[in-house]
PDB file of all heavy atoms in Angstrom:
ATOM      1  N   PRO A   1       0.811  -1.224  -0.001  1.00  0.00           N
ATOM      2  CA  PRO A   1      -0.001  -0.002  -0.002  1.00  0.00           C
ATOM      3  C   PRO A   1       0.848   1.274   0.004  1.00  0.00           C
ATOM      4  O   PRO A   1       0.472   2.280  -0.623  1.00  0.00           O
ATOM      5  CB  PRO A   1      -0.827  -0.126   1.284  1.00  0.00           C
ATOM      6  CG  PRO A   1      -0.919  -1.594   1.528  1.00  0.00           C
ATOM      7  CD  PRO A   1       0.425  -2.129   1.097  1.00  0.00           C
ATOM      8  N   LEU A   2       1.987   1.257   0.692  1.00  0.00           N
ATOM      9  CA  LEU A   2       2.891   2.405   0.686  1.00  0.00           C
ATOM     10  C   LEU A   2       3.469   2.622  -0.708  1.00  0.00           C
ATOM     11  O   LEU A   2       3.593   3.749  -1.183  1.00  0.00           O
ATOM     12  CB  LEU A   2       4.004   2.196   1.711  1.00  0.00           C
ATOM     13  CG  LEU A   2       4.952   3.365   1.952  1.00  0.00           C
ATOM     14  CD1 LEU A   2       4.202   4.567   2.491  1.00  0.00           C
ATOM     15  CD2 LEU A   2       6.058   2.952   2.925  1.00  0.00           C
ATOM     16  N   ALA A   3       3.806   1.501  -1.365  1.00  0.00           N
ATOM     17  CA  ALA A   3       4.313   1.618  -2.743  1.00  0.00           C
ATOM     18  C   ALA A   3       3.238   2.188  -3.658  1.00  0.00           C
ATOM     19  O   ALA A   3       3.527   3.028  -4.519  1.00  0.00           O
ATOM     20  CB  ALA A   3       4.754   0.241  -3.246  1.00  0.00           C
ATOM     21  N   ALA A   4       2.002   1.749  -3.463  1.00  0.00           N
ATOM     22  CA  ALA A   4       0.907   2.228  -4.304  1.00  0.00           C
ATOM     23  C   ALA A   4       0.626   3.708  -4.046  1.00  0.00           C
ATOM     24  O   ALA A   4       0.329   4.477  -4.980  1.00  0.00           O
ATOM     25  CB  ALA A   4      -0.348   1.404  -4.057  1.00  0.00           C
ATOM     26  N   GLY A   5       0.720   4.129  -2.779  1.00  0.00           N
ATOM     27  CA  GLY A   5       0.359   5.498  -2.447  1.00  0.00           C
ATOM     28  C   GLY A   5       1.479   6.500  -2.594  1.00  0.00           C
ATOM     29  O   GLY A   5       1.251   7.637  -3.017  1.00  0.00           O
ATOM     30  N   GLU A   6       2.721   6.085  -2.253  1.00  0.00           N
ATOM     31  CA  GLU A   6       3.829   7.032  -2.209  1.00  0.00           C
ATOM     32  C   GLU A   6       4.983   6.677  -3.133  1.00  0.00           C
ATOM     33  O   GLU A   6       5.946   7.447  -3.250  1.00  0.00           O
ATOM     34  CB  GLU A   6       4.340   7.172  -0.769  1.00  0.00           C
ATOM     35  CG  GLU A   6       3.264   7.668   0.198  1.00  0.00           C
ATOM     36  CD  GLU A   6       3.799   7.888   1.600  1.00  0.00           C
ATOM     37  OE1 GLU A   6       5.019   8.118   1.741  1.00  0.00           O
ATOM     38  OE2 GLU A   6       2.988   7.819   2.543  1.00  0.00           O
ATOM     39  N   GLY A   7       4.919   5.502  -3.758  1.00  0.00           N
ATOM     40  CA  GLY A   7       5.964   5.144  -4.709  1.00  0.00           C
ATOM     41  C   GLY A   7       7.262   4.693  -4.095  1.00  0.00           C
ATOM     42  O   GLY A   7       8.302   4.717  -4.770  1.00  0.00           O
ATOM     43  N   VAL A   8       7.233   4.277  -2.814  1.00  0.00           N
ATOM     44  CA  VAL A   8       8.448   3.776  -2.164  1.00  0.00           C
ATOM     45  C   VAL A   8       8.188   2.385  -1.619  1.00  0.00           C
ATOM     46  O   VAL A   8       7.073   2.062  -1.186  1.00  0.00           O
ATOM     47  CB  VAL A   8       8.927   4.709  -1.040  1.00  0.00           C
ATOM     48  CG1 VAL A   8       9.365   6.051  -1.606  1.00  0.00           C
ATOM     49  CG2 VAL A   8       7.857   4.891   0.027  1.00  0.00           C
ATOM     50  N   LEU A   9       9.225   1.556  -1.636  1.00  0.00           N
ATOM     51  CA  LEU A   9       9.134   0.165  -1.160  1.00  0.00           C
ATOM     52  C   LEU A   9      10.233  -0.048  -0.131  1.00  0.00           C
ATOM     53  O   LEU A   9      11.373  -0.349  -0.493  1.00  0.00           O
ATOM     54  CB  LEU A   9       9.295  -0.805  -2.330  1.00  0.00           C
ATOM     55  CG  LEU A   9       8.938  -2.268  -2.043  1.00  0.00           C
ATOM     56  CD1 LEU A   9       7.420  -2.442  -1.983  1.00  0.00           C
ATOM     57  CD2 LEU A   9       9.518  -3.180  -3.116  1.00  0.00           C
ATOM     58  N   PRO A  10       9.921   0.122   1.172  1.00  0.00           N
ATOM     59  CA  PRO A  10      10.956  -0.061   2.192  1.00  0.00           C
ATOM     60  C   PRO A  10      11.392  -1.514   2.308  1.00  0.00           C
ATOM     61  O   PRO A  10      10.581  -2.425   2.178  1.00  0.00           O
ATOM     62  CB  PRO A  10      10.259   0.400   3.479  1.00  0.00           C
ATOM     63  CG  PRO A  10       9.035   1.137   3.043  1.00  0.00           C
ATOM     64  CD  PRO A  10       8.638   0.531   1.744  1.00  0.00           C
ATOM     65  N   SER A  11      12.676  -1.721   2.570  1.00  0.00           N
ATOM     66  CA  SER A  11      13.177  -3.081   2.769  1.00  0.00           C
ATOM     67  C   SER A  11      14.406  -3.053   3.655  1.00  0.00           C
ATOM     68  O   SER A  11      15.275  -2.170   3.507  1.00  0.00           O
ATOM     69  CB  SER A  11      13.543  -3.736   1.435  1.00  0.00           C
ATOM     70  OG  SER A  11      14.099  -5.026   1.661  1.00  0.00           O
ATOM     71  N   MET A  12      14.497  -4.004   4.540  1.00  0.00           N
ATOM     72  CA  MET A  12      15.673  -4.168   5.386  1.00  0.00           C
ATOM     73  C   MET A  12      16.653  -5.169   4.803  1.00  0.00           C
ATOM     74  O   MET A  12      17.686  -5.471   5.409  1.00  0.00           O
ATOM     75  CB  MET A  12      15.238  -4.577   6.799  1.00  0.00           C
ATOM     76  CG  MET A  12      14.457  -3.466   7.483  1.00  0.00           C
ATOM     77  SD  MET A  12      13.459  -4.040   8.853  1.00  0.00           S
ATOM     78  CE  MET A  12      12.504  -2.572   9.233  1.00  0.00           C
ATOM     79  N   LEU A  13      16.333  -5.688   3.627  1.00  0.00           N
ATOM     80  CA  LEU A  13      17.275  -6.520   2.883  1.00  0.00           C
ATOM     81  C   LEU A  13      18.223  -5.636   2.089  1.00  0.00           C
ATOM     82  O   LEU A  13      17.913  -4.478   1.775  1.00  0.00           O
ATOM     83  CB  LEU A  13      16.506  -7.429   1.917  1.00  0.00           C
ATOM     84  CG  LEU A  13      15.498  -8.402   2.524  1.00  0.00           C
ATOM     85  CD1 LEU A  13      14.686  -9.064   1.417  1.00  0.00           C
ATOM     86  CD2 LEU A  13      16.197  -9.452   3.383  1.00  0.00           C
ATOM     87  N   ASP A  14      19.388  -6.180   1.748  1.00  0.00           N
ATOM     88  CA  ASP A  14      20.323  -5.496   0.852  1.00  0.00           C
ATOM     89  C   ASP A  14      19.595  -5.229  -0.473  1.00  0.00           C
ATOM     90  O   ASP A  14      19.133  -6.169  -1.136  1.00  0.00           O
ATOM     91  CB  ASP A  14      21.545  -6.383   0.638  1.00  0.00           C
ATOM     92  CG  ASP A  14      22.626  -5.732  -0.212  1.00  0.00           C
ATOM     93  OD1 ASP A  14      22.276  -4.965  -1.118  1.00  0.00           O
ATOM     94  OD2 ASP A  14      23.802  -6.018   0.031  1.00  0.00           O
ATOM     95  N   LEU A  15      19.487  -3.970  -0.863  1.00  0.00           N
ATOM     96  CA  LEU A  15      18.637  -3.616  -1.994  1.00  0.00           C
ATOM     97  C   LEU A  15      19.095  -4.232  -3.311  1.00  0.00           C
ATOM     98  O   LEU A  15      18.265  -4.462  -4.205  1.00  0.00           O
ATOM     99  CB  LEU A  15      18.566  -2.090  -2.145  1.00  0.00           C
ATOM    100  CG  LEU A  15      17.946  -1.317  -0.975  1.00  0.00           C
ATOM    101  CD1 LEU A  15      17.849   0.171  -1.328  1.00  0.00           C
ATOM    102  CD2 LEU A  15      16.586  -1.864  -0.590  1.00  0.00           C
ATOM    103  N   ASP A  16      20.370  -4.521  -3.427  1.00  0.00           N
ATOM    104  CA  ASP A  16      20.888  -5.015  -4.711  1.00  0.00           C
ATOM    105  C   ASP A  16      21.269  -6.496  -4.697  1.00  0.00           C
ATOM    106  O   ASP A  16      21.759  -7.002  -5.700  1.00  0.00           O
ATOM    107  CB  ASP A  16      22.117  -4.189  -5.117  1.00  0.00           C
ATOM    108  CG  ASP A  16      21.771  -2.740  -5.360  1.00  0.00           C
ATOM    109  OD1 ASP A  16      20.837  -2.478  -6.141  1.00  0.00           O
ATOM    110  OD2 ASP A  16      22.426  -1.854  -4.759  1.00  0.00           O
ATOM    111  N   ARG A  17      21.043  -7.152  -3.597  1.00  0.00           N
ATOM    112  CA  ARG A  17      21.445  -8.551  -3.464  1.00  0.00           C
ATOM    113  C   ARG A  17      20.245  -9.475  -3.666  1.00  0.00           C
ATOM    114  O   ARG A  17      19.218  -9.331  -3.006  1.00  0.00           O
ATOM    115  CB  ARG A  17      22.049  -8.791  -2.081  1.00  0.00           C
ATOM    116  CG  ARG A  17      22.444 -10.230  -1.795  1.00  0.00           C
ATOM    117  CD  ARG A  17      22.955 -10.319  -0.373  1.00  0.00           C
ATOM    118  NE  ARG A  17      23.119 -11.706   0.078  1.00  0.00           N
ATOM    119  CZ  ARG A  17      23.406 -12.055   1.314  1.00  0.00           C
ATOM    120  NH1 ARG A  17      23.575 -11.124   2.232  1.00  0.00           N
ATOM    121  NH2 ARG A  17      23.533 -13.325   1.646  1.00  0.00           N
ATOM    122  N   ALA A  18      20.377 -10.432  -4.578  1.00  0.00           N
ATOM    123  CA  ALA A  18      19.301 -11.401  -4.821  1.00  0.00           C
ATOM    124  C   ALA A  18      19.092 -12.254  -3.580  1.00  0.00           C
ATOM    125  O   ALA A  18      20.058 -12.711  -2.960  1.00  0.00           O
ATOM    126  CB  ALA A  18      19.616 -12.260  -6.029  1.00  0.00           C
ATOM    127  N   GLN A  19      17.834 -12.467  -3.234  1.00  0.00           N
ATOM    128  CA  GLN A  19      17.457 -13.186  -2.025  1.00  0.00           C
ATOM    129  C   GLN A  19      16.488 -14.300  -2.371  1.00  0.00           C
ATOM    130  O   GLN A  19      15.569 -14.113  -3.174  1.00  0.00           O
ATOM    131  CB  GLN A  19      16.778 -12.194  -1.054  1.00  0.00           C
ATOM    132  CG  GLN A  19      16.110 -12.811   0.145  1.00  0.00           C
ATOM    133  CD  GLN A  19      17.112 -13.399   1.128  1.00  0.00           C
ATOM    134  OE1 GLN A  19      18.199 -12.847   1.295  1.00  0.00           O
ATOM    135  NE2 GLN A  19      16.758 -14.503   1.748  1.00  0.00           N
ATOM    136  N   ARG A  20      16.674 -15.463  -1.768  1.00  0.00           N
ATOM    137  CA  ARG A  20      15.690 -16.529  -1.934  1.00  0.00           C
ATOM    138  C   ARG A  20      14.367 -16.085  -1.341  1.00  0.00           C
ATOM    139  O   ARG A  20      14.305 -15.589  -0.218  1.00  0.00           O
ATOM    140  CB  ARG A  20      16.163 -17.818  -1.260  1.00  0.00           C
ATOM    141  CG  ARG A  20      17.221 -18.586  -2.033  1.00  0.00           C
ATOM    142  CD  ARG A  20      17.666 -19.823  -1.285  1.00  0.00           C
ATOM    143  NE  ARG A  20      18.374 -19.468  -0.066  1.00  0.00           N
ATOM    144  CZ  ARG A  20      19.682 -19.200   0.003  1.00  0.00           C
ATOM    145  NH1 ARG A  20      20.417 -19.277  -1.100  1.00  0.00           N
ATOM    146  NH2 ARG A  20      20.244 -18.874   1.141  1.00  0.00           N
ATOM    147  N   MET A  21      13.285 -16.280  -2.100  1.00  0.00           N
ATOM    148  CA  MET A  21      11.928 -15.961  -1.651  1.00  0.00           C
ATOM    149  C   MET A  21      11.007 -17.028  -2.190  1.00  0.00           C
ATOM    150  O   MET A  21      11.281 -17.634  -3.223  1.00  0.00           O
ATOM    151  CB  MET A  21      11.481 -14.590  -2.180  1.00  0.00           C
ATOM    152  CG  MET A  21      12.372 -13.436  -1.805  1.00  0.00           C
ATOM    153  SD  MET A  21      11.819 -11.877  -2.530  1.00  0.00           S
ATOM    154  CE  MET A  21      13.258 -10.843  -2.193  1.00  0.00           C
ATOM    155  N   VAL A  22       9.872 -17.236  -1.496  1.00  0.00           N
ATOM    156  CA  VAL A  22       8.931 -18.255  -1.946  1.00  0.00           C
ATOM    157  C   VAL A  22       7.506 -17.787  -1.654  1.00  0.00           C
ATOM    158  O   VAL A  22       7.255 -17.108  -0.655  1.00  0.00           O
ATOM    159  CB  VAL A  22       9.209 -19.614  -1.262  1.00  0.00           C
ATOM    160  CG1 VAL A  22       8.979 -19.550   0.235  1.00  0.00           C
ATOM    161  CG2 VAL A  22       8.384 -20.723  -1.891  1.00  0.00           C
ATOM    162  N   ALA A  23       6.588 -18.124  -2.547  1.00  0.00           N
ATOM    163  CA  ALA A  23       5.176 -17.792  -2.356  1.00  0.00           C
ATOM    164  C   ALA A  23       4.531 -18.803  -1.414  1.00  0.00           C
ATOM    165  O   ALA A  23       4.845 -19.999  -1.442  1.00  0.00           O
ATOM    166  CB  ALA A  23       4.447 -17.782  -3.693  1.00  0.00           C
ATOM    167  N   THR A  24       3.604 -18.324  -0.604  1.00  0.00           N
ATOM    168  CA  THR A  24       2.924 -19.238   0.315  1.00  0.00           C
ATOM    169  C   THR A  24       2.099 -20.281  -0.440  1.00  0.00           C
ATOM    170  O   THR A  24       1.874 -21.380   0.082  1.00  0.00           O
ATOM    171  CB  THR A  24       2.030 -18.459   1.297  1.00  0.00           C
ATOM    172  OG1 THR A  24       1.129 -17.620   0.569  1.00  0.00           O
ATOM    173  CG2 THR A  24       2.878 -17.611   2.224  1.00  0.00           C
ATOM    174  N   ALA A  25       1.668 -19.965  -1.652  1.00  0.00           N
ATOM    175  CA  ALA A  25       0.955 -20.966  -2.455  1.00  0.00           C
ATOM    176  C   ALA A  25       1.844 -22.164  -2.741  1.00  0.00           C
ATOM    177  O   ALA A  25       1.397 -23.316  -2.707  1.00  0.00           O
ATOM    178  CB  ALA A  25       0.463 -20.348  -3.765  1.00  0.00           C
ATOM    179  N   ASP A  26       3.120 -21.914  -3.007  1.00  0.00           N
ATOM    180  CA  ASP A  26       4.055 -23.013  -3.244  1.00  0.00           C
ATOM    181  C   ASP A  26       4.326 -23.790  -1.955  1.00  0.00           C
ATOM    182  O   ASP A  26       4.454 -25.025  -1.971  1.00  0.00           O
ATOM    183  CB  ASP A  26       5.371 -22.479  -3.813  1.00  0.00           C
ATOM    184  CG  ASP A  26       5.323 -22.275  -5.315  1.00  0.00           C
ATOM    185  OD1 ASP A  26       4.617 -23.042  -6.002  1.00  0.00           O
ATOM    186  OD2 ASP A  26       5.993 -21.353  -5.809  1.00  0.00           O
ATOM    187  N   ILE A  27       4.407 -23.076  -0.837  1.00  0.00           N
ATOM    188  CA  ILE A  27       4.633 -23.772   0.437  1.00  0.00           C
ATOM    189  C   ILE A  27       3.489 -24.734   0.715  1.00  0.00           C
ATOM    190  O   ILE A  27       3.707 -25.916   1.039  1.00  0.00           O
ATOM    191  CB  ILE A  27       4.767 -22.753   1.592  1.00  0.00           C
ATOM    192  CG1 ILE A  27       6.007 -21.879   1.399  1.00  0.00           C
ATOM    193  CG2 ILE A  27       4.827 -23.473   2.935  1.00  0.00           C
ATOM    194  CD1 ILE A  27       6.089 -20.714   2.368  1.00  0.00           C
ATOM    195  N   GLY A  28       2.261 -24.248   0.576  1.00  0.00           N
ATOM    196  CA  GLY A  28       1.108 -25.097   0.840  1.00  0.00           C
ATOM    197  C   GLY A  28       1.012 -26.266  -0.114  1.00  0.00           C
ATOM    198  O   GLY A  28       0.685 -27.408   0.288  1.00  0.00           O
ATOM    199  N   ARG A  29       1.287 -26.006  -1.384  1.00  0.00           N
ATOM    200  CA  ARG A  29       1.216 -27.087  -2.381  1.00  0.00           C
ATOM    201  C   ARG A  29       2.240 -28.167  -2.060  1.00  0.00           C
ATOM    202  O   ARG A  29       1.912 -29.369  -2.056  1.00  0.00           O
ATOM    203  CB  ARG A  29       1.463 -26.522  -3.780  1.00  0.00           C
ATOM    204  CG  ARG A  29       1.520 -27.602  -4.871  1.00  0.00           C
ATOM    205  CD  ARG A  29       1.866 -27.000  -6.227  1.00  0.00           C
ATOM    206  NE  ARG A  29       3.133 -26.283  -6.217  1.00  0.00           N
ATOM    207  CZ  ARG A  29       4.322 -26.857  -6.287  1.00  0.00           C
ATOM    208  NH1 ARG A  29       4.431 -28.184  -6.354  1.00  0.00           N
ATOM    209  NH2 ARG A  29       5.429 -26.121  -6.300  1.00  0.00           N
TER     210      ARG A  29
END
């Protein structure tokens, strides 16, 4: 919602470093 309203996406991850991520749909499946 912040990205939609103000155009910013806060993150505490390294902004330029690829990170493993997974969708909860895949976890459940």
